[in-house]
Each structure stands twice: as structure tokens, then as C-alpha cells.
């Protein structure tokens, strides 16, 4: 996986798991990284955001500990 996409997935994951008190700060971090990577890749930030949101559940399942059920969240 490209390091740029993984950085975006990690930033989005941190935002999605954060308590409400920290969520706004982490959203700002995610948006900043998103815009920076969108400029590098020469795509719109909306398109890149859609990609991250689409890939995030699969990335989370792939990074679960070994004994966790991989079908988590698919039901």
C-alpha cells in the first residue's frame, strides 16, 4: 500500500475513533493531510476523501489482531 494512502487511512481512523472532545482537531488534521495528498496526486480532495471512506473498513479489518474475526462489521 502506498504510504500516502496509509497516512490518510490512519488520520481518518484516528478521527473516527476519537471522543467528541478531540474529534474536531483530528478532523482538521485529516483534512490538511487530505488536501496535501490531493495536490501531490493531482486529484480533487472530494474524490480522495471518497476513496479513503470506501477503503477504510477493509483497511481496519486487515489490521485487526490475528485472533480477531476478519468478518467483523460485515453482518
PDB file of N, CA and C in Angstrom:
ATOM      1  N   UNK A   1       0.844  -1.172   0.000  1.00  0.00           N
ATOM      2  CA  UNK A   1       0.000   0.000   0.000  1.00  0.00           C
ATOM      3  C   UNK A   1       0.887   1.231   0.000  1.00  0.00           C
ATOM      4  N   UNK A   2       0.465   2.215  -0.740  1.00  0.00           N
ATOM      5  CA  UNK A   2       1.224   3.465  -0.799  1.00  0.00           C
ATOM      6  C   UNK A   2       1.178   4.163   0.552  1.00  0.00           C
ATOM      7  N   UNK A   3       2.292   4.707   0.926  1.00  0.00           N
ATOM      8  CA  UNK A   3       2.393   5.351   2.239  1.00  0.00           C
ATOM      9  C   UNK A   3       1.458   6.556   2.358  1.00  0.00           C
ATOM     10  N   UNK A   4       1.206   7.232   1.235  1.00  0.00           N
ATOM     11  CA  UNK A   4       0.303   8.386   1.267  1.00  0.00           C
ATOM     12  C   UNK A   4      -1.111   7.952   1.621  1.00  0.00           C
ATOM     13  N   UNK A   5      -1.563   6.876   1.004  1.00  0.00           N
ATOM     14  CA  UNK A   5      -2.912   6.387   1.286  1.00  0.00           C
ATOM     15  C   UNK A   5      -3.002   5.861   2.708  1.00  0.00           C
ATOM     16  N   UNK A   6      -1.967   5.185   3.162  1.00  0.00           N
ATOM     17  CA  UNK A   6      -1.987   4.676   4.531  1.00  0.00           C
ATOM     18  C   UNK A   6      -2.007   5.821   5.541  1.00  0.00           C
ATOM     19  N   UNK A   7      -1.300   6.903   5.271  1.00  0.00           N
ATOM     20  CA  UNK A   7      -1.328   8.067   6.164  1.00  0.00           C
ATOM     21  C   UNK A   7      -2.731   8.657   6.239  1.00  0.00           C
ATOM     22  N   UNK A   8      -3.413   8.706   5.103  1.00  0.00           N
ATOM     23  CA  UNK A   8      -4.789   9.198   5.088  1.00  0.00           C
ATOM     24  C   UNK A   8      -5.716   8.264   5.855  1.00  0.00           C
ATOM     25  N   UNK A   9      -5.552   6.971   5.667  1.00  0.00           N
ATOM     26  CA  UNK A   9      -6.385   5.999   6.375  1.00  0.00           C
ATOM     27  C   UNK A   9      -6.156   6.077   7.882  1.00  0.00           C
ATOM     28  N   UNK A  10      -4.915   6.249   8.294  1.00  0.00           N
ATOM     29  CA  UNK A  10      -4.617   6.370   9.722  1.00  0.00           C
ATOM     30  C   UNK A  10      -5.221   7.646  10.302  1.00  0.00           C
ATOM     31  N   UNK A  11      -5.138   8.745   9.559  1.00  0.00           N
ATOM     32  CA  UNK A  11      -5.708  10.010  10.031  1.00  0.00           C
ATOM     33  C   UNK A  11      -7.225   9.908  10.135  1.00  0.00           C
ATOM     34  N   UNK A  12      -7.863   9.275   9.141  1.00  0.00           N
ATOM     35  CA  UNK A  12      -9.312   9.104   9.179  1.00  0.00           C
ATOM     36  C   UNK A  12      -9.708   8.165  10.310  1.00  0.00           C
ATOM     37  N   UNK A  13      -8.938   7.117  10.530  1.00  0.00           N
ATOM     38  CA  UNK A  13      -9.219   6.170  11.601  1.00  0.00           C
ATOM     39  C   UNK A  13      -9.116   6.848  12.961  1.00  0.00           C
ATOM     40  N   UNK A  14      -8.097   7.671  13.141  1.00  0.00           N
ATOM     41  CA  UNK A  14      -7.947   8.404  14.401  1.00  0.00           C
ATOM     42  C   UNK A  14      -9.154   9.308  14.637  1.00  0.00           C
ATOM     43  N   UNK A  15      -9.613   9.980  13.591  1.00  0.00           N
ATOM     44  CA  UNK A  15     -10.794  10.833  13.714  1.00  0.00           C
ATOM     45  C   UNK A  15     -12.027  10.008  14.058  1.00  0.00           C
ATOM     46  N   UNK A  16     -12.222   8.893  13.366  1.00  0.00           N
ATOM     47  CA  UNK A  16     -13.446   8.114  13.553  1.00  0.00           C
ATOM     48  C   UNK A  16     -13.517   7.450  14.921  1.00  0.00           C
ATOM     49  N   UNK A  17     -12.374   7.225  15.576  1.00  0.00           N
ATOM     50  CA  UNK A  17     -12.375   6.591  16.888  1.00  0.00           C
ATOM     51  C   UNK A  17     -12.223   7.585  18.039  1.00  0.00           C
ATOM     52  N   UNK A  18     -12.064   8.829  17.729  1.00  0.00           N
ATOM     53  CA  UNK A  18     -11.801   9.840  18.764  1.00  0.00           C
ATOM     54  C   UNK A  18     -13.063  10.199  19.532  1.00  0.00           C
ATOM     55  N   UNK A  19     -12.893  10.536  20.799  1.00  0.00           N
ATOM     56  CA  UNK A  19     -14.035  11.080  21.544  1.00  0.00           C
ATOM     57  C   UNK A  19     -14.399  12.459  20.991  1.00  0.00           C
ATOM     58  N   UNK A  20     -15.595  12.873  21.248  1.00  0.00           N
ATOM     59  CA  UNK A  20     -16.081  14.147  20.677  1.00  0.00           C
ATOM     60  C   UNK A  20     -15.177  15.326  21.001  1.00  0.00           C
ATOM     61  N   UNK A  21     -14.565  15.300  22.167  1.00  0.00           N
ATOM     62  CA  UNK A  21     -13.721  16.442  22.552  1.00  0.00           C
ATOM     63  C   UNK A  21     -12.494  16.590  21.656  1.00  0.00           C
ATOM     64  N   UNK A  22     -12.007  15.502  21.091  1.00  0.00           N
ATOM     65  CA  UNK A  22     -10.824  15.552  20.238  1.00  0.00           C
ATOM     66  C   UNK A  22     -11.151  15.449  18.749  1.00  0.00           C
ATOM     67  N   UNK A  23     -12.369  15.120  18.420  1.00  0.00           N
ATOM     68  CA  UNK A  23     -12.741  14.829  17.030  1.00  0.00           C
ATOM     69  C   UNK A  23     -12.507  16.019  16.099  1.00  0.00           C
ATOM     70  N   UNK A  24     -12.814  17.216  16.554  1.00  0.00           N
ATOM     71  CA  UNK A  24     -12.656  18.385  15.689  1.00  0.00           C
ATOM     72  C   UNK A  24     -11.189  18.612  15.308  1.00  0.00           C
ATOM     73  N   UNK A  25     -10.289  18.479  16.266  1.00  0.00           N
ATOM     74  CA  UNK A  25      -8.858  18.635  15.983  1.00  0.00           C
ATOM     75  C   UNK A  25      -8.391  17.578  14.990  1.00  0.00           C
ATOM     76  N   UNK A  26      -8.812  16.350  15.213  1.00  0.00           N
ATOM     77  CA  UNK A  26      -8.379  15.263  14.342  1.00  0.00           C
ATOM     78  C   UNK A  26      -8.991  15.379  12.955  1.00  0.00           C
ATOM     79  N   UNK A  27     -10.202  15.929  12.867  1.00  0.00           N
ATOM     80  CA  UNK A  27     -10.797  16.174  11.553  1.00  0.00           C
ATOM     81  C   UNK A  27      -9.964  17.203  10.785  1.00  0.00           C
ATOM     82  N   UNK A  28      -9.536  18.242  11.470  1.00  0.00           N
ATOM     83  CA  UNK A  28      -8.694  19.260  10.834  1.00  0.00           C
ATOM     84  C   UNK A  28      -7.375  18.673  10.341  1.00  0.00           C
ATOM     85  N   UNK A  29      -6.798  17.774  11.124  1.00  0.00           N
ATOM     86  CA  UNK A  29      -5.568  17.097  10.708  1.00  0.00           C
ATOM     87  C   UNK A  29      -5.840  16.260   9.460  1.00  0.00           C
ATOM     88  N   UNK A  30      -6.935  15.510   9.475  1.00  0.00           N
ATOM     89  CA  UNK A  30      -7.287  14.669   8.324  1.00  0.00           C
ATOM     90  C   UNK A  30      -7.477  15.516   7.067  1.00  0.00           C
ATOM     91  N   UNK A  31      -8.191  16.619   7.195  1.00  0.00           N
ATOM     92  CA  UNK A  31      -8.445  17.484   6.038  1.00  0.00           C
ATOM     93  C   UNK A  31      -7.145  18.085   5.512  1.00  0.00           C
ATOM     94  N   UNK A  32      -6.252  18.463   6.405  1.00  0.00           N
ATOM     95  CA  UNK A  32      -4.964  19.024   5.975  1.00  0.00           C
ATOM     96  C   UNK A  32      -4.148  17.985   5.202  1.00  0.00           C
ATOM     97  N   UNK A  33      -4.078  16.765   5.730  1.00  0.00           N
ATOM     98  CA  UNK A  33      -3.344  15.699   5.042  1.00  0.00           C
ATOM     99  C   UNK A  33      -4.031  15.371   3.717  1.00  0.00           C
ATOM    100  N   UNK A  34      -5.349  15.341   3.728  1.00  0.00           N
ATOM    101  CA  UNK A  34      -6.118  15.055   2.519  1.00  0.00           C
ATOM    102  C   UNK A  34      -5.830  16.071   1.423  1.00  0.00           C
ATOM    103  N   UNK A  35      -5.862  17.340   1.753  1.00  0.00           N
ATOM    104  CA  UNK A  35      -5.604  18.383   0.759  1.00  0.00           C
ATOM    105  C   UNK A  35      -4.165  18.336   0.244  1.00  0.00           C
ATOM    106  N   UNK A  36      -3.233  18.055   1.145  1.00  0.00           N
ATOM    107  CA  UNK A  36      -1.834  17.965   0.738  1.00  0.00           C
ATOM    108  C   UNK A  36      -1.625  16.805  -0.238  1.00  0.00           C
ATOM    109  N   UNK A  37      -2.185  15.653   0.068  1.00  0.00           N
ATOM    110  CA  UNK A  37      -2.036  14.487  -0.807  1.00  0.00           C
ATOM    111  C   UNK A  37      -2.813  14.667  -2.119  1.00  0.00           C
ATOM    112  N   UNK A  38      -3.943  15.332  -2.065  1.00  0.00           N
ATOM    113  CA  UNK A  38      -4.709  15.586  -3.284  1.00  0.00           C
ATOM    114  C   UNK A  38      -3.917  16.468  -4.242  1.00  0.00           C
ATOM    115  N   UNK A  39      -3.203  17.444  -3.699  1.00  0.00           N
ATOM    116  CA  UNK A  39      -2.366  18.290  -4.546  1.00  0.00           C
ATOM    117  C   UNK A  39      -1.216  17.498  -5.152  1.00  0.00           C
ATOM    118  N   UNK A  40      -0.583  16.640  -4.332  1.00  0.00           N
ATOM    119  CA  UNK A  40       0.518  15.823  -4.837  1.00  0.00           C
ATOM    120  C   UNK A  40       0.063  14.899  -5.959  1.00  0.00           C
ATOM    121  N   UNK A  41      -1.105  14.276  -5.749  1.00  0.00           N
ATOM    122  CA  UNK A  41      -1.612  13.297  -6.710  1.00  0.00           C
ATOM    123  C   UNK A  41      -2.405  13.928  -7.852  1.00  0.00           C
ATOM    124  N   UNK A  42      -2.631  15.232  -7.732  1.00  0.00           N
ATOM    125  CA  UNK A  42      -3.381  15.989  -8.744  1.00  0.00           C
ATOM    126  C   UNK A  42      -4.788  15.431  -8.978  1.00  0.00           C
ATOM    127  N   UNK A  43      -5.485  15.185  -7.858  1.00  0.00           N
ATOM    128  CA  UNK A  43      -6.892  14.782  -7.895  1.00  0.00           C
ATOM    129  C   UNK A  43      -7.648  15.694  -6.946  1.00  0.00           C
ATOM    130  N   UNK A  44      -8.960  15.680  -7.054  1.00  0.00           N
ATOM    131  CA  UNK A  44      -9.744  16.521  -6.152  1.00  0.00           C
ATOM    132  C   UNK A  44      -9.761  15.906  -4.756  1.00  0.00           C
ATOM    133  N   UNK A  45      -9.847  16.754  -3.763  1.00  0.00           N
ATOM    134  CA  UNK A  45      -9.873  16.259  -2.389  1.00  0.00           C
ATOM    135  C   UNK A  45     -11.161  15.487  -2.115  1.00  0.00           C
ATOM    136  N   UNK A  46     -12.256  15.847  -2.796  1.00  0.00           N
ATOM    137  CA  UNK A  46     -13.509  15.102  -2.636  1.00  0.00           C
ATOM    138  C   UNK A  46     -13.365  13.670  -3.130  1.00  0.00           C
ATOM    139  N   UNK A  47     -12.734  13.501  -4.261  1.00  0.00           N
ATOM    140  CA  UNK A  47     -12.520  12.165  -4.811  1.00  0.00           C
ATOM    141  C   UNK A  47     -11.621  11.339  -3.889  1.00  0.00           C
ATOM    142  N   UNK A  48     -10.578  11.944  -3.388  1.00  0.00           N
ATOM    143  CA  UNK A  48      -9.668  11.242  -2.488  1.00  0.00           C
ATOM    144  C   UNK A  48     -10.367  10.890  -1.177  1.00  0.00           C
ATOM    145  N   UNK A  49     -11.220  11.784  -0.676  1.00  0.00           N
ATOM    146  CA  UNK A  49     -11.982  11.508   0.538  1.00  0.00           C
ATOM    147  C   UNK A  49     -12.917  10.317   0.318  1.00  0.00           C
ATOM    148  N   UNK A  50     -13.572  10.260  -0.827  1.00  0.00           N
ATOM    149  CA  UNK A  50     -14.450   9.125  -1.132  1.00  0.00           C
ATOM    150  C   UNK A  50     -13.671   7.823  -1.155  1.00  0.00           C
ATOM    151  N   UNK A  51     -12.471   7.861  -1.715  1.00  0.00           N
ATOM    152  CA  UNK A  51     -11.632   6.675  -1.759  1.00  0.00           C
ATOM    153  C   UNK A  51     -11.260   6.223  -0.353  1.00  0.00           C
ATOM    154  N   UNK A  52     -10.866   7.155   0.490  1.00  0.00           N
ATOM    155  CA  UNK A  52     -10.481   6.819   1.863  1.00  0.00           C
ATOM    156  C   UNK A  52     -11.665   6.230   2.609  1.00  0.00           C
ATOM    157  N   UNK A  53     -12.834   6.839   2.491  1.00  0.00           N
ATOM    158  CA  UNK A  53     -14.014   6.333   3.194  1.00  0.00           C
ATOM    159  C   UNK A  53     -14.419   4.948   2.691  1.00  0.00           C
ATOM    160  N   UNK A  54     -14.189   4.699   1.426  1.00  0.00           N
ATOM    161  CA  UNK A  54     -14.536   3.406   0.844  1.00  0.00           C
ATOM    162  C   UNK A  54     -13.550   2.311   1.280  1.00  0.00           C
ATOM    163  N   UNK A  55     -12.279   2.648   1.362  1.00  0.00           N
ATOM    164  CA  UNK A  55     -11.244   1.678   1.715  1.00  0.00           C
ATOM    165  C   UNK A  55     -11.066   1.490   3.217  1.00  0.00           C
ATOM    166  N   UNK A  56     -11.535   2.428   4.016  1.00  0.00           N
ATOM    167  CA  UNK A  56     -11.305   2.389   5.459  1.00  0.00           C
ATOM    168  C   UNK A  56     -11.789   1.096   6.125  1.00  0.00           C
ATOM    169  N   UNK A  57     -13.022   0.631   5.910  1.00  0.00           N
ATOM    170  CA  UNK A  57     -13.452  -0.606   6.589  1.00  0.00           C
ATOM    171  C   UNK A  57     -12.571  -1.813   6.249  1.00  0.00           C
ATOM    172  N   UNK A  58     -12.174  -1.935   5.018  1.00  0.00           N
ATOM    173  CA  UNK A  58     -11.315  -3.057   4.622  1.00  0.00           C
ATOM    174  C   UNK A  58      -9.933  -2.933   5.266  1.00  0.00           C
ATOM    175  N   UNK A  59      -9.406  -1.714   5.336  1.00  0.00           N
ATOM    176  CA  UNK A  59      -8.119  -1.476   5.959  1.00  0.00           C
ATOM    177  C   UNK A  59      -8.165  -1.827   7.449  1.00  0.00           C
ATOM    178  N   UNK A  60      -9.266  -1.464   8.109  1.00  0.00           N
ATOM    179  CA  UNK A  60      -9.427  -1.778   9.536  1.00  0.00           C
ATOM    180  C   UNK A  60      -9.436  -3.286   9.735  1.00  0.00           C
ATOM    181  N   UNK A  61     -10.214  -4.003   8.917  1.00  0.00           N
ATOM    182  CA  UNK A  61     -10.265  -5.466   9.050  1.00  0.00           C
ATOM    183  C   UNK A  61      -8.899  -6.094   8.787  1.00  0.00           C
ATOM    184  N   UNK A  62      -8.165  -5.562   7.832  1.00  0.00           N
ATOM    185  CA  UNK A  62      -6.850  -6.118   7.512  1.00  0.00           C
ATOM    186  C   UNK A  62      -5.841  -5.888   8.633  1.00  0.00           C
ATOM    187  N   UNK A  63      -6.055  -4.872   9.445  1.00  0.00           N
ATOM    188  CA  UNK A  63      -5.121  -4.546  10.518  1.00  0.00           C
ATOM    189  C   UNK A  63      -5.575  -5.022  11.891  1.00  0.00           C
ATOM    190  N   UNK A  64      -6.586  -5.874  11.936  1.00  0.00           N
ATOM    191  CA  UNK A  64      -7.023  -6.428  13.209  1.00  0.00           C
ATOM    192  C   UNK A  64      -5.987  -7.421  13.719  1.00  0.00           C
ATOM    193  N   UNK A  65      -5.918  -7.598  15.033  1.00  0.00           N
ATOM    194  CA  UNK A  65      -5.010  -8.613  15.566  1.00  0.00           C
ATOM    195  C   UNK A  65      -5.339  -9.997  15.006  1.00  0.00           C
ATOM    196  N   UNK A  66      -4.398 -10.894  15.073  1.00  0.00           N
ATOM    197  CA  UNK A  66      -4.508 -12.205  14.440  1.00  0.00           C
ATOM    198  C   UNK A  66      -5.726 -13.013  14.901  1.00  0.00           C
ATOM    199  N   UNK A  67      -6.108 -12.935  16.147  1.00  0.00           N
ATOM    200  CA  UNK A  67      -7.214 -13.764  16.649  1.00  0.00           C
ATOM    201  C   UNK A  67      -8.586 -13.116  16.505  1.00  0.00           C
ATOM    202  N   UNK A  68      -8.644 -11.917  15.967  1.00  0.00           N
ATOM    203  CA  UNK A  68      -9.917 -11.251  15.765  1.00  0.00           C
ATOM    204  C   UNK A  68     -10.610 -11.843  14.539  1.00  0.00           C
ATOM    205  N   UNK A  69     -11.951 -11.958  14.582  1.00  0.00           N
ATOM    206  CA  UNK A  69     -12.652 -12.448  13.386  1.00  0.00           C
ATOM    207  C   UNK A  69     -12.562 -11.409  12.265  1.00  0.00           C
ATOM    208  N   UNK A  70     -12.140 -11.818  11.089  1.00  0.00           N
ATOM    209  CA  UNK A  70     -11.942 -10.884   9.982  1.00  0.00           C
ATOM    210  C   UNK A  70     -13.271 -10.407   9.380  1.00  0.00           C
ATOM    211  N   UNK A  71     -14.367 -11.071   9.694  1.00  0.00           N
ATOM    212  CA  UNK A  71     -15.656 -10.660   9.172  1.00  0.00           C
ATOM    213  C   UNK A  71     -16.322  -9.598  10.050  1.00  0.00           C
ATOM    214  N   UNK A  72     -15.596  -9.077  10.982  1.00  0.00           N
ATOM    215  CA  UNK A  72     -16.109  -8.074  11.898  1.00  0.00           C
ATOM    216  C   UNK A  72     -16.725  -6.907  11.131  1.00  0.00           C
ATOM    217  N   UNK A  73     -17.957  -6.585  11.445  1.00  0.00           N
ATOM    218  CA  UNK A  73     -18.617  -5.448  10.818  1.00  0.00           C
ATOM    219  C   UNK A  73     -19.225  -5.726   9.476  1.00  0.00           C
ATOM    220  N   UNK A  74     -19.178  -6.944   8.990  1.00  0.00           N
ATOM    221  CA  UNK A  74     -19.742  -7.249   7.677  1.00  0.00           C
ATOM    222  C   UNK A  74     -21.181  -7.728   7.755  1.00  0.00           C
ATOM    223  N   UNK A  75     -21.668  -8.071   8.946  1.00  0.00           N
ATOM    224  CA  UNK A  75     -23.045  -8.560   9.072  1.00  0.00           C
ATOM    225  C   UNK A  75     -24.028  -7.425   8.988  1.00  0.00           C
TER     226      UNK A  75
END
